[in-house]
Amino acid sequence: MGLGHAELFRLLPRAIGDRAWRVHRDLITITAQGQQLSIKLLPEGRRNLGALKLPVTDRAGVFFPRVHVRTGR
């Protein structure tokens, strides 16, 4: 089924649980265990299935910040 922006933001708190999150325009940032996950949303569109027209939320991508790993040297 389709998922519009309003429905996405309504369901998001249940999906991410107790993790911290924020929205700035079209970017959702979720923080958990010191790491961040960012999801950039595209403008809401419509999917046409015959006479049925459903909202659709596409994402441009999911971005993870670089993780620096220290060696034991």
PDB file of N, CA and C in Angstrom:
ATOM      1  N   MET A   1       0.838  -1.181   0.000  1.00  0.00           N
ATOM      2  CA  MET A   1       0.000   0.000   0.000  1.00  0.00           C
ATOM      3  C   MET A   1       0.880   1.240   0.000  1.00  0.00           C
ATOM      4  N   GLY A   2       0.264   2.348  -0.300  1.00  0.00           N
ATOM      5  CA  GLY A   2       0.989   3.609  -0.348  1.00  0.00           C
ATOM      6  C   GLY A   2       1.195   4.194   1.036  1.00  0.00           C
ATOM      7  N   LEU A   3       2.182   5.045   1.129  1.00  0.00           N
ATOM      8  CA  LEU A   3       2.487   5.696   2.397  1.00  0.00           C
ATOM      9  C   LEU A   3       2.876   7.136   2.106  1.00  0.00           C
ATOM     10  N   GLY A   4       2.021   8.066   2.500  1.00  0.00           N
ATOM     11  CA  GLY A   4       2.310   9.486   2.314  1.00  0.00           C
ATOM     12  C   GLY A   4       3.161  10.014   3.456  1.00  0.00           C
ATOM     13  N   HIS A   5       3.617  11.252   3.330  1.00  0.00           N
ATOM     14  CA  HIS A   5       4.453  11.848   4.365  1.00  0.00           C
ATOM     15  C   HIS A   5       3.734  11.899   5.714  1.00  0.00           C
ATOM     16  N   ALA A   6       2.469  12.299   5.724  1.00  0.00           N
ATOM     17  CA  ALA A   6       1.729  12.394   6.988  1.00  0.00           C
ATOM     18  C   ALA A   6       1.660  11.036   7.684  1.00  0.00           C
ATOM     19  N   GLU A   7       1.394   9.988   6.931  1.00  0.00           N
ATOM     20  CA  GLU A   7       1.320   8.638   7.500  1.00  0.00           C
ATOM     21  C   GLU A   7       2.707   8.175   7.976  1.00  0.00           C
ATOM     22  N   LEU A   8       3.742   8.504   7.217  1.00  0.00           N
ATOM     23  CA  LEU A   8       5.103   8.153   7.614  1.00  0.00           C
ATOM     24  C   LEU A   8       5.437   8.782   8.963  1.00  0.00           C
ATOM     25  N   PHE A   9       5.163  10.082   9.121  1.00  0.00           N
ATOM     26  CA  PHE A   9       5.477  10.763  10.373  1.00  0.00           C
ATOM     27  C   PHE A   9       4.580  10.297  11.516  1.00  0.00           C
ATOM     28  N   ARG A  10       3.394   9.827  11.214  1.00  0.00           N
ATOM     29  CA  ARG A  10       2.515   9.287  12.255  1.00  0.00           C
ATOM     30  C   ARG A  10       3.051   7.953  12.773  1.00  0.00           C
ATOM     31  N   LEU A  11       3.609   7.122  11.876  1.00  0.00           N
ATOM     32  CA  LEU A  11       4.094   5.795  12.245  1.00  0.00           C
ATOM     33  C   LEU A  11       5.545   5.785  12.735  1.00  0.00           C
ATOM     34  N   LEU A  12       6.300   6.806  12.400  1.00  0.00           N
ATOM     35  CA  LEU A  12       7.725   6.830  12.710  1.00  0.00           C
ATOM     36  C   LEU A  12       8.049   6.631  14.184  1.00  0.00           C
ATOM     37  N   PRO A  13       7.376   7.300  15.123  1.00  0.00           N
ATOM     38  CA  PRO A  13       7.714   7.098  16.538  1.00  0.00           C
ATOM     39  C   PRO A  13       7.611   5.638  16.983  1.00  0.00           C
ATOM     40  N   ARG A  14       6.613   4.919  16.519  1.00  0.00           N
ATOM     41  CA  ARG A  14       6.492   3.501  16.882  1.00  0.00           C
ATOM     42  C   ARG A  14       7.584   2.669  16.232  1.00  0.00           C
ATOM     43  N   ALA A  15       7.983   3.043  15.021  1.00  0.00           N
ATOM     44  CA  ALA A  15       8.990   2.274  14.293  1.00  0.00           C
ATOM     45  C   ALA A  15      10.384   2.397  14.908  1.00  0.00           C
ATOM     46  N   ILE A  16      10.712   3.563  15.446  1.00  0.00           N
ATOM     47  CA  ILE A  16      12.071   3.760  15.968  1.00  0.00           C
ATOM     48  C   ILE A  16      12.163   3.613  17.477  1.00  0.00           C
ATOM     49  N   GLY A  17      11.040   3.430  18.132  1.00  0.00           N
ATOM     50  CA  GLY A  17      11.059   3.169  19.574  1.00  0.00           C
ATOM     51  C   GLY A  17      11.595   4.334  20.385  1.00  0.00           C
ATOM     52  N   ASP A  18      12.526   4.044  21.292  1.00  0.00           N
ATOM     53  CA  ASP A  18      13.026   5.071  22.212  1.00  0.00           C
ATOM     54  C   ASP A  18      14.240   5.828  21.676  1.00  0.00           C
ATOM     55  N   ARG A  19      14.564   5.630  20.420  1.00  0.00           N
ATOM     56  CA  ARG A  19      15.707   6.343  19.837  1.00  0.00           C
ATOM     57  C   ARG A  19      15.359   7.813  19.614  1.00  0.00           C
ATOM     58  N   ALA A  20      16.359   8.677  19.744  1.00  0.00           N
ATOM     59  CA  ALA A  20      16.160  10.112  19.505  1.00  0.00           C
ATOM     60  C   ALA A  20      16.062  10.349  17.999  1.00  0.00           C
ATOM     61  N   TRP A  21      15.174  11.258  17.604  1.00  0.00           N
ATOM     62  CA  TRP A  21      15.048  11.581  16.181  1.00  0.00           C
ATOM     63  C   TRP A  21      14.591  13.013  16.022  1.00  0.00           C
ATOM     64  N   ARG A  22      14.881  13.565  14.841  1.00  0.00           N
ATOM     65  CA  ARG A  22      14.439  14.925  14.530  1.00  0.00           C
ATOM     66  C   ARG A  22      14.210  15.024  13.034  1.00  0.00           C
ATOM     67  N   VAL A  23      13.401  15.995  12.679  1.00  0.00           N
ATOM     68  CA  VAL A  23      13.088  16.244  11.267  1.00  0.00           C
ATOM     69  C   VAL A  23      13.444  17.682  10.960  1.00  0.00           C
ATOM     70  N   HIS A  24      14.160  17.886   9.880  1.00  0.00           N
ATOM     71  CA  HIS A  24      14.454  19.227   9.379  1.00  0.00           C
ATOM     72  C   HIS A  24      14.149  19.223   7.895  1.00  0.00           C
ATOM     73  N   ARG A  25      13.045  19.861   7.557  1.00  0.00           N
ATOM     74  CA  ARG A  25      12.549  19.908   6.174  1.00  0.00           C
ATOM     75  C   ARG A  25      12.349  18.504   5.634  1.00  0.00           C
ATOM     76  N   ASP A  26      13.201  18.046   4.713  1.00  0.00           N
ATOM     77  CA  ASP A  26      13.018  16.731   4.106  1.00  0.00           C
ATOM     78  C   ASP A  26      14.049  15.716   4.593  1.00  0.00           C
ATOM     79  N   LEU A  27      14.660  15.983   5.744  1.00  0.00           N
ATOM     80  CA  LEU A  27      15.689  15.095   6.277  1.00  0.00           C
ATOM     81  C   LEU A  27      15.293  14.598   7.665  1.00  0.00           C
ATOM     82  N   ILE A  28      15.248  13.292   7.820  1.00  0.00           N
ATOM     83  CA  ILE A  28      14.966  12.663   9.112  1.00  0.00           C
ATOM     84  C   ILE A  28      16.294  12.142   9.645  1.00  0.00           C
ATOM     85  N   THR A  29      16.636  12.486  10.885  1.00  0.00           N
ATOM     86  CA  THR A  29      17.868  12.003  11.502  1.00  0.00           C
ATOM     87  C   THR A  29      17.508  11.224  12.756  1.00  0.00           C
ATOM     88  N   ILE A  30      17.983   9.986  12.827  1.00  0.00           N
ATOM     89  CA  ILE A  30      17.728   9.102  13.960  1.00  0.00           C
ATOM     90  C   ILE A  30      19.070   8.828  14.630  1.00  0.00           C
ATOM     91  N   THR A  31      19.105   8.934  15.969  1.00  0.00           N
ATOM     92  CA  THR A  31      20.328   8.699  16.719  1.00  0.00           C
ATOM     93  C   THR A  31      20.118   7.530  17.672  1.00  0.00           C
ATOM     94  N   ALA A  32      21.066   6.592  17.639  1.00  0.00           N
ATOM     95  CA  ALA A  32      21.008   5.446  18.538  1.00  0.00           C
ATOM     96  C   ALA A  32      22.424   4.975  18.822  1.00  0.00           C
ATOM     97  N   GLN A  33      22.727   4.733  20.061  1.00  0.00           N
ATOM     98  CA  GLN A  33      24.022   4.207  20.489  1.00  0.00           C
ATOM     99  C   GLN A  33      25.180   5.021  19.924  1.00  0.00           C
ATOM    100  N   GLY A  34      25.034   6.351  19.908  1.00  0.00           N
ATOM    101  CA  GLY A  34      26.091   7.228  19.434  1.00  0.00           C
ATOM    102  C   GLY A  34      26.260   7.295  17.925  1.00  0.00           C
ATOM    103  N   GLN A  35      25.401   6.645  17.185  1.00  0.00           N
ATOM    104  CA  GLN A  35      25.474   6.645  15.721  1.00  0.00           C
ATOM    105  C   GLN A  35      24.248   7.355  15.166  1.00  0.00           C
ATOM    106  N   GLN A  36      24.381   7.915  13.967  1.00  0.00           N
ATOM    107  CA  GLN A  36      23.254   8.597  13.336  1.00  0.00           C
ATOM    108  C   GLN A  36      22.930   7.970  11.993  1.00  0.00           C
ATOM    109  N   LEU A  37      21.649   7.962  11.695  1.00  0.00           N
ATOM    110  CA  LEU A  37      21.126   7.500  10.417  1.00  0.00           C
ATOM    111  C   LEU A  37      20.288   8.636   9.859  1.00  0.00           C
ATOM    112  N   SER A  38      20.536   9.045   8.631  1.00  0.00           N
ATOM    113  CA  SER A  38      19.771  10.127   8.012  1.00  0.00           C
ATOM    114  C   SER A  38      19.049   9.607   6.778  1.00  0.00           C
ATOM    115  N   ILE A  39      17.797   9.994   6.631  1.00  0.00           N
ATOM    116  CA  ILE A  39      16.969   9.593   5.486  1.00  0.00           C
ATOM    117  C   ILE A  39      16.435  10.857   4.836  1.00  0.00           C
ATOM    118  N   LYS A  40      16.746  11.055   3.565  1.00  0.00           N
ATOM    119  CA  LYS A  40      16.271  12.221   2.827  1.00  0.00           C
ATOM    120  C   LYS A  40      15.036  11.813   2.025  1.00  0.00           C
ATOM    121  N   LEU A  41      13.936  12.525   2.251  1.00  0.00           N
ATOM    122  CA  LEU A  41      12.680  12.214   1.564  1.00  0.00           C
ATOM    123  C   LEU A  41      12.542  13.028   0.290  1.00  0.00           C
ATOM    124  N   LEU A  42      11.987  12.406  -0.725  1.00  0.00           N
ATOM    125  CA  LEU A  42      11.639  13.105  -1.957  1.00  0.00           C
ATOM    126  C   LEU A  42      10.225  13.659  -1.806  1.00  0.00           C
ATOM    127  N   PRO A  43       9.819  14.589  -2.658  1.00  0.00           N
ATOM    128  CA  PRO A  43       8.442  15.092  -2.589  1.00  0.00           C
ATOM    129  C   PRO A  43       7.438  13.938  -2.697  1.00  0.00           C
ATOM    130  N   GLU A  44       6.356  14.062  -1.955  1.00  0.00           N
ATOM    131  CA  GLU A  44       5.327  13.025  -1.979  1.00  0.00           C
ATOM    132  C   GLU A  44       4.724  12.918  -3.366  1.00  0.00           C
ATOM    133  N   GLY A  45       4.515  11.699  -3.815  1.00  0.00           N
ATOM    134  CA  GLY A  45       3.928  11.464  -5.136  1.00  0.00           C
ATOM    135  C   GLY A  45       2.679  10.608  -5.030  1.00  0.00           C
ATOM    136  N   ARG A  46       2.209  10.141  -6.153  1.00  0.00           N
ATOM    137  CA  ARG A  46       1.024   9.274  -6.220  1.00  0.00           C
ATOM    138  C   ARG A  46       1.337   8.066  -7.079  1.00  0.00           C
ATOM    139  N   ARG A  47       0.855   6.918  -6.650  1.00  0.00           N
ATOM    140  CA  ARG A  47       0.970   5.694  -7.427  1.00  0.00           C
ATOM    141  C   ARG A  47      -0.428   5.370  -7.943  1.00  0.00           C
ATOM    142  N   ASN A  48      -0.543   5.231  -9.232  1.00  0.00           N
ATOM    143  CA  ASN A  48      -1.836   4.939  -9.851  1.00  0.00           C
ATOM    144  C   ASN A  48      -1.963   3.449 -10.140  1.00  0.00           C
ATOM    145  N   LEU A  49      -2.964   2.845  -9.543  1.00  0.00           N
ATOM    146  CA  LEU A  49      -3.267   1.434  -9.771  1.00  0.00           C
ATOM    147  C   LEU A  49      -4.695   1.355 -10.308  1.00  0.00           C
ATOM    148  N   GLY A  50      -4.832   1.617 -11.590  1.00  0.00           N
ATOM    149  CA  GLY A  50      -6.163   1.677 -12.185  1.00  0.00           C
ATOM    150  C   GLY A  50      -6.918   2.866 -11.628  1.00  0.00           C
ATOM    151  N   ALA A  51      -8.085   2.626 -11.064  1.00  0.00           N
ATOM    152  CA  ALA A  51      -8.886   3.704 -10.496  1.00  0.00           C
ATOM    153  C   ALA A  51      -8.393   4.100  -9.100  1.00  0.00           C
ATOM    154  N   LEU A  52      -7.500   3.308  -8.532  1.00  0.00           N
ATOM    155  CA  LEU A  52      -6.993   3.556  -7.189  1.00  0.00           C
ATOM    156  C   LEU A  52      -5.727   4.402  -7.258  1.00  0.00           C
ATOM    157  N   LYS A  53      -5.702   5.516  -6.528  1.00  0.00           N
ATOM    158  CA  LYS A  53      -4.539   6.386  -6.478  1.00  0.00           C
ATOM    159  C   LYS A  53      -4.041   6.444  -5.038  1.00  0.00           C
ATOM    160  N   LEU A  54      -2.805   5.984  -4.815  1.00  0.00           N
ATOM    161  CA  LEU A  54      -2.245   5.902  -3.475  1.00  0.00           C
ATOM    162  C   LEU A  54      -1.091   6.890  -3.310  1.00  0.00           C
ATOM    163  N   PRO A  55      -0.952   7.480  -2.121  1.00  0.00           N
ATOM    164  CA  PRO A  55       0.208   8.339  -1.880  1.00  0.00           C
ATOM    165  C   PRO A  55       1.457   7.463  -1.794  1.00  0.00           C
ATOM    166  N   VAL A  56       2.588   8.032  -2.146  1.00  0.00           N
ATOM    167  CA  VAL A  56       3.840   7.292  -2.059  1.00  0.00           C
ATOM    168  C   VAL A  56       4.946   8.246  -1.598  1.00  0.00           C
ATOM    169  N   THR A  57       5.763   7.762  -0.680  1.00  0.00           N
ATOM    170  CA  THR A  57       6.904   8.528  -0.194  1.00  0.00           C
ATOM    171  C   THR A  57       8.161   7.790  -0.620  1.00  0.00           C
ATOM    172  N   ASP A  58       8.915   8.388  -1.521  1.00  0.00           N
ATOM    173  CA  ASP A  58      10.199   7.818  -1.925  1.00  0.00           C
ATOM    174  C   ASP A  58      11.294   8.498  -1.133  1.00  0.00           C
ATOM    175  N   ARG A  59      12.413   7.820  -0.990  1.00  0.00           N
ATOM    176  CA  ARG A  59      13.549   8.418  -0.309  1.00  0.00           C
ATOM    177  C   ARG A  59      14.697   8.498  -1.296  1.00  0.00           C
ATOM    178  N   ALA A  60      15.468   9.541  -1.151  1.00  0.00           N
ATOM    179  CA  ALA A  60      16.610   9.735  -2.038  1.00  0.00           C
ATOM    180  C   ALA A  60      17.757   8.833  -1.620  1.00  0.00           C
ATOM    181  N   GLY A  61      17.780   8.435  -0.401  1.00  0.00           N
ATOM    182  CA  GLY A  61      18.843   7.556   0.062  1.00  0.00           C
ATOM    183  C   GLY A  61      18.955   7.572   1.560  1.00  0.00           C
ATOM    184  N   VAL A  62      19.716   6.655   2.070  1.00  0.00           N
ATOM    185  CA  VAL A  62      19.985   6.580   3.496  1.00  0.00           C
ATOM    186  C   VAL A  62      21.473   6.835   3.652  1.00  0.00           C
ATOM    187  N   PHE A  63      21.829   7.753   4.522  1.00  0.00           N
ATOM    188  CA  PHE A  63      23.206   8.168   4.652  1.00  0.00           C
ATOM    189  C   PHE A  63      23.721   7.879   6.046  1.00  0.00           C
ATOM    190  N   PHE A  64      24.848   7.194   6.123  1.00  0.00           N
ATOM    191  CA  PHE A  64      25.516   6.923   7.384  1.00  0.00           C
ATOM    192  C   PHE A  64      26.770   7.780   7.441  1.00  0.00           C
ATOM    193  N   PRO A  65      27.041   8.414   8.566  1.00  0.00           N
ATOM    194  CA  PRO A  65      28.297   9.166   8.667  1.00  0.00           C
ATOM    195  C   PRO A  65      29.478   8.193   8.682  1.00  0.00           C
ATOM    196  N   ARG A  66      30.635   8.692   8.379  1.00  0.00           N
ATOM    197  CA  ARG A  66      31.826   7.846   8.413  1.00  0.00           C
ATOM    198  C   ARG A  66      32.113   7.430   9.850  1.00  0.00           C
ATOM    199  N   VAL A  67      32.554   6.219   9.983  1.00  0.00           N
ATOM    200  CA  VAL A  67      32.931   5.708  11.300  1.00  0.00           C
ATOM    201  C   VAL A  67      34.437   5.541  11.308  1.00  0.00           C
ATOM    202  N   HIS A  68      35.094   6.164  12.265  1.00  0.00           N
ATOM    203  CA  HIS A  68      36.550   6.060  12.382  1.00  0.00           C
ATOM    204  C   HIS A  68      36.871   4.956  13.387  1.00  0.00           C
ATOM    205  N   VAL A  69      37.686   4.011  12.936  1.00  0.00           N
ATOM    206  CA  VAL A  69      38.048   2.889  13.794  1.00  0.00           C
ATOM    207  C   VAL A  69      39.512   3.038  14.167  1.00  0.00           C
ATOM    208  N   ARG A  70      39.789   2.989  15.455  1.00  0.00           N
ATOM    209  CA  ARG A  70      41.171   3.063  15.931  1.00  0.00           C
ATOM    210  C   ARG A  70      41.717   1.662  16.116  1.00  0.00           C
ATOM    211  N   THR A  71      42.938   1.493  15.729  1.00  0.00           N
ATOM    212  CA  THR A  71      43.584   0.208  15.959  1.00  0.00           C
ATOM    213  C   THR A  71      44.304   0.255  17.297  1.00  0.00           C
ATOM    214  N   GLY A  72      44.703  -0.873  17.812  1.00  0.00           N
ATOM    215  CA  GLY A  72      45.361  -0.939  19.117  1.00  0.00           C
ATOM    216  C   GLY A  72      46.854  -0.660  19.062  1.00  0.00           C
ATOM    217  N   ARG A  73      47.332  -0.034  18.030  1.00  0.00           N
ATOM    218  CA  ARG A  73      48.790   0.225  17.919  1.00  0.00           C
ATOM    219  C   ARG A  73      49.215   1.398  18.733  1.00  0.00           C
TER     220      ARG A  73
END
